[in-house]
Amino acid sequence: MAERISATSFRDLIDRFYGVATNVVFDHDGAVDKFVGDELVAMFFPLLTGDAHAARGIEAAQALLRATGHGDVGGPWLPMGAGVNTGPTWIGAVGDAAHRELTILGDAVNTTARLASTAAAGEILVTIAAASAAGLSPSLGRQSLRLKGKDQATDVVVLRVAP
């Protein structure tokens, strides 16, 4: 989209997305880790959500797609997809004395980022681990994806938000 509109218009669009996405994440008991270009990284801690952390992540992804217009007949104001995963991570401060940030790191985070960048507009790619933790039906169709930087294929359930 950035190549088709002015830099100022793109910034306005991204600011709108960040605001909507932040509200959706907070409404689902999540936390925003960071904004990366046109991407938002969110965390759903078991400390806040209990065993429902994966379900809350999926619900937030569905709500975000609806909030960006994926359920609208006229189509989305921002075409996007999402990735949801669960697994062990490291959470803490990184950096040096000049600049420190609180962040989340690990293979589960990297896999989620790869899923998000692979997802088509209106699509949520959910790892089997997250789908199982969220209680999604095992009868949902599965796909096996080759993700950049991953040695093994990643099995996912594909959820869609459409008009």
N, C-alpha and C. Protein backbone atom coordinates (compact mmCIF):
# COMPACT_ATOMS: atom_id res chain seq x y z
N MET A 1 0.82 -1.19 0.00
CA MET A 1 0.00 0.00 0.00
C MET A 1 0.87 1.26 0.00
N ALA A 2 1.99 1.19 0.69
CA ALA A 2 2.85 2.36 0.83
C ALA A 2 3.34 2.87 -0.52
N GLU A 3 3.46 1.98 -1.50
CA GLU A 3 3.94 2.43 -2.80
C GLU A 3 2.86 3.12 -3.62
N ARG A 4 1.59 3.00 -3.19
CA ARG A 4 0.49 3.60 -3.95
C ARG A 4 -0.05 4.89 -3.35
N ILE A 5 0.38 5.23 -2.13
CA ILE A 5 -0.12 6.45 -1.49
C ILE A 5 1.07 7.26 -0.97
N SER A 6 0.79 8.50 -0.60
CA SER A 6 1.87 9.35 -0.09
C SER A 6 2.37 8.83 1.26
N ALA A 7 3.57 9.23 1.62
CA ALA A 7 4.15 8.84 2.91
C ALA A 7 3.28 9.32 4.06
N THR A 8 2.73 10.52 3.94
CA THR A 8 1.88 11.07 4.99
C THR A 8 0.58 10.28 5.11
N SER A 9 -0.01 9.93 3.98
CA SER A 9 -1.24 9.12 4.00
C SER A 9 -0.97 7.74 4.59
N PHE A 10 0.19 7.17 4.26
CA PHE A 10 0.54 5.86 4.80
C PHE A 10 0.73 5.95 6.31
N ARG A 11 1.41 6.99 6.76
CA ARG A 11 1.59 7.19 8.21
C ARG A 11 0.24 7.30 8.91
N ASP A 12 -0.70 8.05 8.31
CA ASP A 12 -2.03 8.19 8.89
C ASP A 12 -2.73 6.83 8.98
N LEU A 13 -2.60 6.02 7.94
CA LEU A 13 -3.20 4.69 7.92
C LEU A 13 -2.60 3.80 9.00
N ILE A 14 -1.28 3.82 9.11
CA ILE A 14 -0.60 3.00 10.12
C ILE A 14 -0.94 3.48 11.52
N ASP A 15 -1.02 4.79 11.73
CA ASP A 15 -1.42 5.31 13.05
C ASP A 15 -2.83 4.81 13.40
N ARG A 16 -3.74 4.83 12.43
CA ARG A 16 -5.10 4.32 12.66
C ARG A 16 -5.05 2.84 13.03
N PHE A 17 -4.27 2.07 12.29
CA PHE A 17 -4.11 0.64 12.57
C PHE A 17 -3.55 0.42 13.97
N TYR A 18 -2.49 1.12 14.33
CA TYR A 18 -1.89 0.95 15.65
C TYR A 18 -2.91 1.23 16.76
N GLY A 19 -3.70 2.29 16.59
CA GLY A 19 -4.71 2.62 17.59
C GLY A 19 -5.77 1.54 17.72
N VAL A 20 -6.31 1.09 16.60
CA VAL A 20 -7.33 0.05 16.60
C VAL A 20 -6.75 -1.24 17.17
N ALA A 21 -5.56 -1.63 16.71
CA ALA A 21 -4.95 -2.89 17.14
C ALA A 21 -4.63 -2.87 18.63
N THR A 22 -4.12 -1.76 19.12
CA THR A 22 -3.80 -1.66 20.55
C THR A 22 -5.06 -1.84 21.38
N ASN A 23 -6.14 -1.18 21.00
CA ASN A 23 -7.40 -1.32 21.74
C ASN A 23 -7.91 -2.76 21.71
N VAL A 24 -7.82 -3.41 20.56
CA VAL A 24 -8.26 -4.81 20.45
C VAL A 24 -7.42 -5.70 21.37
N VAL A 25 -6.12 -5.52 21.36
CA VAL A 25 -5.25 -6.35 22.21
C VAL A 25 -5.59 -6.13 23.68
N PHE A 26 -5.71 -4.89 24.11
CA PHE A 26 -6.03 -4.60 25.51
C PHE A 26 -7.40 -5.16 25.88
N ASP A 27 -8.37 -5.05 24.97
CA ASP A 27 -9.72 -5.56 25.23
C ASP A 27 -9.73 -7.08 25.42
N HIS A 28 -8.70 -7.77 24.94
CA HIS A 28 -8.61 -9.22 25.06
C HIS A 28 -7.53 -9.65 26.06
N ASP A 29 -7.22 -8.75 27.00
CA ASP A 29 -6.28 -9.04 28.09
C ASP A 29 -4.86 -9.30 27.63
N GLY A 30 -4.48 -8.70 26.51
CA GLY A 30 -3.13 -8.85 25.99
C GLY A 30 -2.30 -7.61 26.26
N ALA A 31 -1.05 -7.67 25.83
CA ALA A 31 -0.12 -6.55 25.93
C ALA A 31 0.55 -6.37 24.58
N VAL A 32 0.82 -5.13 24.22
CA VAL A 32 1.54 -4.84 22.99
C VAL A 32 3.02 -4.91 23.28
N ASP A 33 3.71 -5.78 22.55
CA ASP A 33 5.17 -5.87 22.69
C ASP A 33 5.83 -4.76 21.91
N LYS A 34 5.48 -4.65 20.62
CA LYS A 34 6.11 -3.63 19.79
C LYS A 34 5.36 -3.44 18.49
N PHE A 35 5.65 -2.32 17.85
CA PHE A 35 5.23 -2.05 16.48
C PHE A 35 6.46 -2.25 15.61
N VAL A 36 6.32 -3.02 14.55
CA VAL A 36 7.42 -3.27 13.62
C VAL A 36 6.92 -2.91 12.23
N GLY A 37 7.22 -1.70 11.79
CA GLY A 37 6.73 -1.27 10.48
C GLY A 37 5.21 -1.28 10.47
N ASP A 38 4.63 -2.14 9.63
CA ASP A 38 3.18 -2.22 9.54
C ASP A 38 2.64 -3.42 10.33
N GLU A 39 3.38 -3.85 11.34
CA GLU A 39 3.02 -5.02 12.12
C GLU A 39 2.96 -4.68 13.60
N LEU A 40 2.05 -5.33 14.30
CA LEU A 40 1.97 -5.21 15.75
C LEU A 40 2.26 -6.59 16.34
N VAL A 41 3.12 -6.64 17.35
CA VAL A 41 3.42 -7.89 18.05
C VAL A 41 2.75 -7.79 19.41
N ALA A 42 1.88 -8.77 19.69
CA ALA A 42 1.15 -8.77 20.96
C ALA A 42 1.45 -10.05 21.73
N MET A 43 1.28 -9.96 23.05
CA MET A 43 1.50 -11.10 23.94
C MET A 43 0.25 -11.31 24.78
N PHE A 44 -0.06 -12.57 25.04
CA PHE A 44 -1.18 -12.93 25.90
C PHE A 44 -0.63 -13.85 26.99
N PHE A 45 -0.35 -13.25 28.14
CA PHE A 45 0.31 -13.95 29.24
C PHE A 45 -0.65 -14.85 30.00
N PRO A 46 -0.25 -16.07 30.30
CA PRO A 46 -1.07 -16.91 31.17
C PRO A 46 -1.33 -16.25 32.53
N LEU A 47 -0.43 -15.39 32.98
CA LEU A 47 -0.63 -14.70 34.25
C LEU A 47 -1.92 -13.88 34.23
N LEU A 48 -2.25 -13.28 33.08
CA LEU A 48 -3.47 -12.47 32.97
C LEU A 48 -4.67 -13.27 32.47
N THR A 49 -4.43 -14.23 31.60
CA THR A 49 -5.54 -14.93 30.95
C THR A 49 -5.73 -16.36 31.43
N GLY A 50 -4.84 -16.84 32.28
CA GLY A 50 -4.91 -18.23 32.71
C GLY A 50 -4.70 -19.16 31.52
N ASP A 51 -5.41 -20.26 31.54
CA ASP A 51 -5.27 -21.24 30.46
C ASP A 51 -5.85 -20.75 29.14
N ALA A 52 -6.53 -19.62 29.15
CA ALA A 52 -7.18 -19.11 27.95
C ALA A 52 -6.27 -18.24 27.09
N HIS A 53 -4.95 -18.22 27.34
CA HIS A 53 -4.07 -17.30 26.60
C HIS A 53 -4.13 -17.52 25.09
N ALA A 54 -4.14 -18.75 24.62
CA ALA A 54 -4.20 -18.99 23.17
C ALA A 54 -5.56 -18.59 22.61
N ALA A 55 -6.62 -18.92 23.34
CA ALA A 55 -7.98 -18.53 22.90
C ALA A 55 -8.10 -17.01 22.82
N ARG A 56 -7.54 -16.32 23.81
CA ARG A 56 -7.62 -14.84 23.79
C ARG A 56 -6.84 -14.27 22.61
N GLY A 57 -5.70 -14.89 22.27
CA GLY A 57 -4.95 -14.45 21.10
C GLY A 57 -5.73 -14.64 19.82
N ILE A 58 -6.40 -15.79 19.68
CA ILE A 58 -7.22 -16.05 18.49
C ILE A 58 -8.40 -15.09 18.43
N GLU A 59 -9.06 -14.89 19.57
CA GLU A 59 -10.19 -13.94 19.62
C GLU A 59 -9.74 -12.54 19.25
N ALA A 60 -8.57 -12.14 19.72
CA ALA A 60 -8.05 -10.81 19.39
C ALA A 60 -7.76 -10.71 17.89
N ALA A 61 -7.18 -11.74 17.31
CA ALA A 61 -6.90 -11.72 15.86
C ALA A 61 -8.20 -11.61 15.07
N GLN A 62 -9.22 -12.35 15.47
CA GLN A 62 -10.52 -12.27 14.79
C GLN A 62 -11.12 -10.88 14.94
N ALA A 63 -11.05 -10.33 16.14
CA ALA A 63 -11.60 -8.99 16.38
C ALA A 63 -10.84 -7.93 15.58
N LEU A 64 -9.52 -8.09 15.47
CA LEU A 64 -8.73 -7.13 14.71
C LEU A 64 -9.08 -7.18 13.22
N LEU A 65 -9.26 -8.37 12.70
CA LEU A 65 -9.65 -8.46 11.29
C LEU A 65 -11.02 -7.84 11.07
N ARG A 66 -11.96 -8.08 11.99
CA ARG A 66 -13.27 -7.44 11.86
C ARG A 66 -13.16 -5.92 11.98
N ALA A 67 -12.33 -5.45 12.91
CA ALA A 67 -12.17 -4.00 13.14
C ALA A 67 -11.51 -3.29 11.96
N THR A 68 -10.77 -4.04 11.15
CA THR A 68 -10.15 -3.44 9.96
C THR A 68 -11.01 -3.66 8.72
N GLY A 69 -12.23 -4.17 8.92
CA GLY A 69 -13.20 -4.26 7.84
C GLY A 69 -13.26 -5.56 7.08
N HIS A 70 -12.63 -6.61 7.57
CA HIS A 70 -12.64 -7.88 6.83
C HIS A 70 -13.99 -8.56 6.81
N GLY A 71 -14.89 -8.21 7.70
CA GLY A 71 -16.23 -8.76 7.67
C GLY A 71 -17.22 -7.88 6.92
N ASP A 72 -16.76 -6.74 6.42
CA ASP A 72 -17.63 -5.78 5.74
C ASP A 72 -17.82 -6.13 4.27
N VAL A 73 -19.02 -5.91 3.77
CA VAL A 73 -19.30 -6.16 2.36
C VAL A 73 -18.40 -5.32 1.46
N GLY A 74 -18.10 -4.09 1.86
CA GLY A 74 -17.25 -3.20 1.07
C GLY A 74 -15.77 -3.55 1.13
N GLY A 75 -15.42 -4.49 1.99
CA GLY A 75 -14.02 -4.90 2.12
C GLY A 75 -13.28 -4.12 3.19
N PRO A 76 -12.07 -4.54 3.48
CA PRO A 76 -11.29 -3.93 4.57
C PRO A 76 -10.70 -2.58 4.19
N TRP A 77 -10.56 -1.72 5.18
CA TRP A 77 -9.84 -0.46 4.96
C TRP A 77 -8.33 -0.70 5.05
N LEU A 78 -7.97 -1.86 5.59
CA LEU A 78 -6.57 -2.27 5.64
C LEU A 78 -6.51 -3.79 5.48
N PRO A 79 -6.17 -4.27 4.29
CA PRO A 79 -6.07 -5.72 4.11
C PRO A 79 -4.92 -6.28 4.94
N MET A 80 -5.23 -7.29 5.75
CA MET A 80 -4.20 -7.86 6.62
C MET A 80 -4.54 -9.28 7.00
N GLY A 81 -3.53 -10.00 7.44
CA GLY A 81 -3.70 -11.33 8.00
C GLY A 81 -3.02 -11.36 9.35
N ALA A 82 -3.15 -12.49 10.06
CA ALA A 82 -2.58 -12.60 11.40
C ALA A 82 -2.04 -14.00 11.63
N GLY A 83 -1.13 -14.11 12.59
CA GLY A 83 -0.60 -15.39 13.02
C GLY A 83 -0.74 -15.52 14.52
N VAL A 84 -1.09 -16.74 14.98
CA VAL A 84 -1.22 -17.01 16.42
C VAL A 84 -0.47 -18.29 16.73
N ASN A 85 0.35 -18.23 17.77
CA ASN A 85 1.14 -19.37 18.20
C ASN A 85 1.22 -19.35 19.72
N THR A 86 1.63 -20.44 20.30
CA THR A 86 1.88 -20.49 21.73
C THR A 86 3.13 -21.34 21.95
N GLY A 87 3.84 -21.05 23.01
CA GLY A 87 5.04 -21.82 23.33
C GLY A 87 5.92 -21.05 24.29
N PRO A 88 6.99 -21.70 24.74
CA PRO A 88 7.89 -21.04 25.69
C PRO A 88 8.60 -19.85 25.05
N THR A 89 8.72 -18.79 25.82
CA THR A 89 9.41 -17.58 25.36
C THR A 89 10.25 -17.01 26.50
N TRP A 90 11.10 -16.07 26.14
CA TRP A 90 11.86 -15.32 27.12
C TRP A 90 11.31 -13.91 27.11
N ILE A 91 11.01 -13.37 28.28
CA ILE A 91 10.49 -12.01 28.40
C ILE A 91 11.41 -11.25 29.33
N GLY A 92 11.87 -10.09 28.86
CA GLY A 92 12.74 -9.29 29.69
C GLY A 92 13.31 -8.11 28.93
N ALA A 93 14.28 -7.48 29.54
CA ALA A 93 14.92 -6.29 28.96
C ALA A 93 16.11 -6.70 28.11
N VAL A 94 16.23 -6.08 26.95
CA VAL A 94 17.37 -6.28 26.07
C VAL A 94 17.96 -4.91 25.74
N GLY A 95 19.22 -4.91 25.35
CA GLY A 95 19.87 -3.67 24.96
C GLY A 95 21.09 -3.41 25.81
N ASP A 96 21.50 -2.14 25.80
CA ASP A 96 22.66 -1.74 26.59
C ASP A 96 22.32 -0.49 27.38
N ALA A 97 23.31 0.12 27.97
CA ALA A 97 23.08 1.28 28.83
C ALA A 97 22.44 2.45 28.08
N ALA A 98 22.72 2.56 26.78
CA ALA A 98 22.18 3.67 25.99
C ALA A 98 20.71 3.45 25.59
N HIS A 99 20.32 2.19 25.43
CA HIS A 99 18.95 1.93 24.99
C HIS A 99 18.52 0.53 25.45
N ARG A 100 17.47 0.47 26.23
CA ARG A 100 16.92 -0.80 26.71
C ARG A 100 15.45 -0.87 26.35
N GLU A 101 14.99 -2.10 26.03
CA GLU A 101 13.58 -2.33 25.74
C GLU A 101 13.13 -3.61 26.41
N LEU A 102 11.89 -3.63 26.85
CA LEU A 102 11.26 -4.84 27.33
C LEU A 102 10.68 -5.54 26.11
N THR A 103 10.96 -6.83 25.94
CA THR A 103 10.47 -7.54 24.77
C THR A 103 10.30 -9.01 25.06
N ILE A 104 9.83 -9.72 24.08
CA ILE A 104 9.63 -11.16 24.14
C ILE A 104 10.43 -11.79 23.01
N LEU A 105 11.16 -12.86 23.32
CA LEU A 105 12.04 -13.50 22.34
C LEU A 105 11.88 -15.02 22.36
N GLY A 106 12.24 -15.66 21.28
CA GLY A 106 12.27 -17.12 21.22
C GLY A 106 11.67 -17.65 19.93
N ASP A 107 11.80 -18.95 19.75
CA ASP A 107 11.32 -19.58 18.53
C ASP A 107 9.82 -19.40 18.36
N ALA A 108 9.05 -19.44 19.46
CA ALA A 108 7.59 -19.26 19.35
C ALA A 108 7.25 -17.88 18.78
N VAL A 109 8.02 -16.88 19.17
CA VAL A 109 7.80 -15.52 18.66
C VAL A 109 8.17 -15.45 17.18
N ASN A 110 9.30 -16.03 16.82
CA ASN A 110 9.73 -16.02 15.42
C ASN A 110 8.73 -16.75 14.53
N THR A 111 8.22 -17.88 14.99
CA THR A 111 7.24 -18.62 14.21
C THR A 111 5.98 -17.79 14.02
N THR A 112 5.53 -17.13 15.06
CA THR A 112 4.34 -16.29 14.96
C THR A 112 4.54 -15.18 13.93
N ALA A 113 5.70 -14.55 13.94
CA ALA A 113 5.99 -13.49 12.97
C ALA A 113 5.96 -14.04 11.54
N ARG A 114 6.51 -15.22 11.34
CA ARG A 114 6.50 -15.84 10.00
C ARG A 114 5.07 -16.16 9.57
N LEU A 115 4.24 -16.63 10.50
CA LEU A 115 2.84 -16.91 10.18
C LEU A 115 2.12 -15.63 9.76
N ALA A 116 2.33 -14.56 10.53
CA ALA A 116 1.67 -13.30 10.22
C ALA A 116 2.06 -12.78 8.84
N SER A 117 3.34 -12.92 8.49
CA SER A 117 3.78 -12.43 7.18
C SER A 117 3.32 -13.33 6.04
N THR A 118 2.94 -14.57 6.35
CA THR A 118 2.48 -15.51 5.33
C THR A 118 0.96 -15.44 5.13
N ALA A 119 0.24 -15.05 6.17
CA ALA A 119 -1.23 -15.03 6.13
C ALA A 119 -1.75 -14.09 5.05
N ALA A 120 -2.74 -14.54 4.32
CA ALA A 120 -3.42 -13.71 3.32
C ALA A 120 -4.38 -12.76 4.03
N ALA A 121 -4.84 -11.76 3.32
CA ALA A 121 -5.81 -10.81 3.89
C ALA A 121 -7.06 -11.57 4.35
N GLY A 122 -7.47 -11.29 5.58
CA GLY A 122 -8.65 -11.92 6.15
C GLY A 122 -8.40 -13.29 6.73
N GLU A 123 -7.15 -13.69 6.81
CA GLU A 123 -6.78 -15.04 7.23
C GLU A 123 -6.00 -15.01 8.55
N ILE A 124 -6.26 -15.99 9.41
CA ILE A 124 -5.51 -16.16 10.64
C ILE A 124 -4.89 -17.55 10.59
N LEU A 125 -3.58 -17.61 10.64
CA LEU A 125 -2.86 -18.88 10.66
C LEU A 125 -2.56 -19.22 12.11
N VAL A 126 -3.09 -20.32 12.59
CA VAL A 126 -2.98 -20.73 13.99
C VAL A 126 -2.22 -22.04 14.05
N THR A 127 -1.11 -22.07 14.79
CA THR A 127 -0.37 -23.33 14.92
C THR A 127 -1.25 -24.37 15.61
N ILE A 128 -0.93 -25.62 15.38
CA ILE A 128 -1.69 -26.70 15.99
C ILE A 128 -1.60 -26.61 17.52
N ALA A 129 -0.44 -26.22 18.05
CA ALA A 129 -0.29 -26.06 19.50
C ALA A 129 -1.27 -25.01 20.03
N ALA A 130 -1.38 -23.86 19.34
CA ALA A 130 -2.30 -22.81 19.78
C ALA A 130 -3.75 -23.24 19.59
N ALA A 131 -4.04 -23.91 18.48
CA ALA A 131 -5.41 -24.38 18.23
C ALA A 131 -5.85 -25.36 19.31
N SER A 132 -4.95 -26.27 19.68
CA SER A 132 -5.25 -27.25 20.72
C SER A 132 -5.42 -26.57 22.07
N ALA A 133 -4.52 -25.64 22.41
CA ALA A 133 -4.61 -24.92 23.69
C ALA A 133 -5.88 -24.09 23.77
N ALA A 134 -6.37 -23.61 22.62
CA ALA A 134 -7.57 -22.78 22.58
C ALA A 134 -8.85 -23.62 22.53
N GLY A 135 -8.69 -24.93 22.35
CA GLY A 135 -9.86 -25.79 22.30
C GLY A 135 -10.58 -25.79 20.95
N LEU A 136 -9.86 -25.39 19.88
CA LEU A 136 -10.48 -25.44 18.56
C LEU A 136 -10.72 -26.89 18.16
N SER A 137 -11.74 -27.11 17.39
CA SER A 137 -12.10 -28.47 16.97
C SER A 137 -10.96 -29.12 16.19
N PRO A 138 -10.60 -30.35 16.56
CA PRO A 138 -9.56 -31.07 15.82
C PRO A 138 -9.99 -31.39 14.38
N SER A 139 -11.28 -31.24 14.09
CA SER A 139 -11.76 -31.54 12.74
C SER A 139 -11.52 -30.40 11.75
N LEU A 140 -11.07 -29.25 12.25
CA LEU A 140 -10.77 -28.14 11.34
C LEU A 140 -9.65 -28.55 10.39
N GLY A 141 -9.76 -28.12 9.15
CA GLY A 141 -8.73 -28.46 8.17
C GLY A 141 -7.37 -27.93 8.55
N ARG A 142 -6.36 -28.70 8.22
CA ARG A 142 -4.97 -28.32 8.51
C ARG A 142 -4.20 -28.14 7.23
N GLN A 143 -3.20 -27.30 7.31
CA GLN A 143 -2.24 -27.12 6.22
C GLN A 143 -0.84 -27.23 6.80
N SER A 144 0.08 -27.63 5.98
CA SER A 144 1.48 -27.70 6.38
C SER A 144 2.22 -26.63 5.59
N LEU A 145 2.86 -25.70 6.29
CA LEU A 145 3.53 -24.57 5.65
C LEU A 145 5.04 -24.65 5.84
N ARG A 146 5.76 -24.29 4.81
CA ARG A 146 7.21 -24.12 4.90
C ARG A 146 7.45 -22.64 5.20
N LEU A 147 7.90 -22.35 6.38
CA LEU A 147 8.13 -20.97 6.80
C LEU A 147 9.62 -20.63 6.73
N LYS A 148 9.90 -19.42 6.32
CA LYS A 148 11.28 -18.94 6.23
C LYS A 148 11.99 -19.13 7.57
N GLY A 149 13.20 -19.70 7.50
CA GLY A 149 14.02 -19.86 8.70
C GLY A 149 13.67 -21.05 9.56
N LYS A 150 12.69 -21.84 9.15
CA LYS A 150 12.27 -23.02 9.93
C LYS A 150 12.71 -24.28 9.20
N ASP A 151 13.36 -25.21 9.91
CA ASP A 151 13.81 -26.46 9.31
C ASP A 151 12.66 -27.39 8.97
N GLN A 152 11.66 -27.41 9.84
CA GLN A 152 10.51 -28.31 9.66
C GLN A 152 9.29 -27.52 9.21
N ALA A 153 8.40 -28.20 8.50
CA ALA A 153 7.13 -27.58 8.12
C ALA A 153 6.33 -27.29 9.39
N THR A 154 5.50 -26.27 9.34
CA THR A 154 4.66 -25.89 10.47
C THR A 154 3.21 -26.19 10.11
N ASP A 155 2.56 -27.02 10.91
CA ASP A 155 1.15 -27.35 10.67
C ASP A 155 0.28 -26.28 11.31
N VAL A 156 -0.72 -25.83 10.56
CA VAL A 156 -1.60 -24.76 11.02
C VAL A 156 -3.06 -25.08 10.70
N VAL A 157 -3.91 -24.42 11.43
CA VAL A 157 -5.33 -24.32 11.12
C VAL A 157 -5.53 -22.94 10.53
N VAL A 158 -6.30 -22.85 9.46
CA VAL A 158 -6.56 -21.57 8.82
C VAL A 158 -7.97 -21.12 9.16
N LEU A 159 -8.06 -19.97 9.83
CA LEU A 159 -9.36 -19.35 10.13
C LEU A 159 -9.50 -18.14 9.22
N ARG A 160 -10.71 -17.86 8.79
CA ARG A 160 -10.95 -16.72 7.90
C ARG A 160 -12.05 -15.82 8.44
N VAL A 161 -11.87 -14.53 8.22
CA VAL A 161 -12.91 -13.56 8.52
C VAL A 161 -13.27 -12.95 7.17
N ALA A 162 -14.50 -13.16 6.78
CA ALA A 162 -14.94 -12.68 5.45
C ALA A 162 -16.37 -12.15 5.57
N PRO A 163 -16.78 -11.35 4.57
CA PRO A 163 -18.17 -10.84 4.60
C PRO A 163 -19.19 -11.96 4.48
